[in-house]
Protein backbone atom coordinates (compact mmCIF):
# COMPACT_ATOMS: atom_id res chain seq x y z
CA TYR A 1 86.63 -10.76 14.83
CA SER A 2 86.40 -14.25 13.39
CA GLY A 3 90.05 -15.22 12.87
CA GLU A 4 91.46 -18.50 14.07
CA GLU A 5 95.12 -17.85 13.24
CA GLY A 6 95.83 -15.16 15.82
CA PHE A 7 96.83 -11.55 15.22
CA GLU A 8 97.99 -10.87 11.66
CA ALA A 9 101.13 -8.71 11.42
CA ARG A 10 101.10 -8.64 7.61
CA VAL A 11 98.22 -6.15 7.61
CA SER A 12 99.57 -3.93 10.39
CA ALA A 13 100.49 -0.26 10.12
CA ALA A 14 103.91 1.14 11.02
CA GLY A 15 104.26 2.13 14.65
CA MET A 16 107.06 3.49 16.83
CA TRP A 17 109.21 0.37 16.35
CA GLY A 18 108.11 -0.58 12.84
CA TYR A 19 105.40 -2.82 11.44
CA GLY A 20 103.82 -5.33 13.79
CA ILE A 21 101.23 -6.08 16.42
CA TYR A 22 101.49 -3.76 19.42
CA PHE A 23 100.38 -4.58 22.97
CA ALA A 24 100.30 -2.32 26.02
CA GLU A 25 100.57 -3.19 29.70
CA ASN A 26 97.79 -0.75 30.58
CA ALA A 27 94.41 -0.63 28.85
CA SER A 28 94.37 3.16 29.32
CA TYR A 29 97.17 3.45 26.74
CA SER A 30 95.30 1.31 24.19
CA HIS A 31 92.11 3.35 24.62
CA GLY A 32 93.40 5.96 22.15
CA TYR A 33 93.80 3.28 19.47
CA ALA A 34 90.50 1.49 20.12
CA HIS A 35 87.93 0.88 17.41
CA PRO A 36 85.02 3.34 17.72
CA LEU A 37 81.50 1.91 17.66
CA GLN A 38 78.41 3.71 16.34
CA ASN A 39 77.04 4.13 19.87
CA GLY A 40 80.13 6.13 20.94
CA GLN A 41 81.76 3.30 22.87
CA LYS A 42 85.18 1.91 21.93
CA GLN A 43 86.23 -1.68 21.38
CA PHE A 44 89.61 -3.43 21.71
CA PHE A 45 91.07 -6.82 22.61
CA VAL A 46 92.18 -7.74 26.11
CA SER A 47 94.84 -10.43 25.74
CA SER A 48 97.40 -12.41 27.65
CA VAL A 49 100.59 -12.34 25.60
CA ILE A 50 103.73 -14.47 25.76
CA VAL A 51 106.54 -12.41 24.22
CA GLY A 52 109.44 -14.89 24.34
CA GLU A 53 112.99 -13.50 24.26
CA THR A 54 112.66 -9.73 23.83
CA HIS A 55 114.98 -7.21 22.19
CA ARG A 56 114.70 -4.00 24.19
CA CYS A 57 115.37 -0.72 22.39
CA ALA A 58 114.61 2.97 22.35
CA SER A 59 112.54 4.62 19.65
CA SER A 60 114.66 5.96 16.77
CA SER A 61 114.58 6.41 13.02
CA VAL A 62 116.34 3.04 12.74
CA THR A 63 114.02 0.97 14.91
CA ASN A 64 110.79 2.44 13.53
CA GLN A 65 111.46 0.67 10.23
CA LEU A 66 111.62 -2.85 11.69
CA ARG A 67 109.65 -5.51 9.83
CA MET A 68 110.78 -8.31 12.16
CA PRO A 69 112.80 -8.52 15.37
CA PRO A 70 116.58 -8.17 14.90
CA ALA A 71 119.03 -11.06 14.81
CA LYS A 72 120.40 -12.08 18.20
CA ARG A 73 123.10 -14.65 17.35
CA LYS A 74 124.17 -17.33 14.97
CA ASN A 75 123.85 -20.93 16.08
CA ASN A 76 125.63 -23.52 13.92
CA GLY A 77 125.57 -21.14 10.96
CA ALA A 78 121.85 -20.38 11.32
CA THR A 79 120.72 -16.92 12.39
CA GLU A 80 118.33 -16.76 15.33
CA TYR A 81 116.02 -13.81 15.84
CA TYR A 82 114.43 -12.27 18.92
CA ASP A 83 110.80 -13.25 19.42
CA SER A 84 109.61 -9.69 20.09
CA VAL A 85 110.70 -6.04 20.44
CA SER A 86 109.97 -3.86 23.45
CA GLY A 87 110.67 -0.22 24.28
CA ASN A 88 109.72 2.68 26.48
């Protein structure tokens, strides 16, 4: 990895809550998605993540099409969006 701009959501695949960058609290969950190396080991990032104000939701056919977090409120005519989406 040689990026300097952080994780890039524009090249992500659809997951349970739509397109985006997914993080797990436990590395054991991420192990199944890890990049396999030629020597049989697996490779993934260990990161500290600040998620901001989170929209919590269950998995459904509606939420798995998200391309960005949903709107939370309008402030002076401008729509504000949640910073992240989280679910079980």
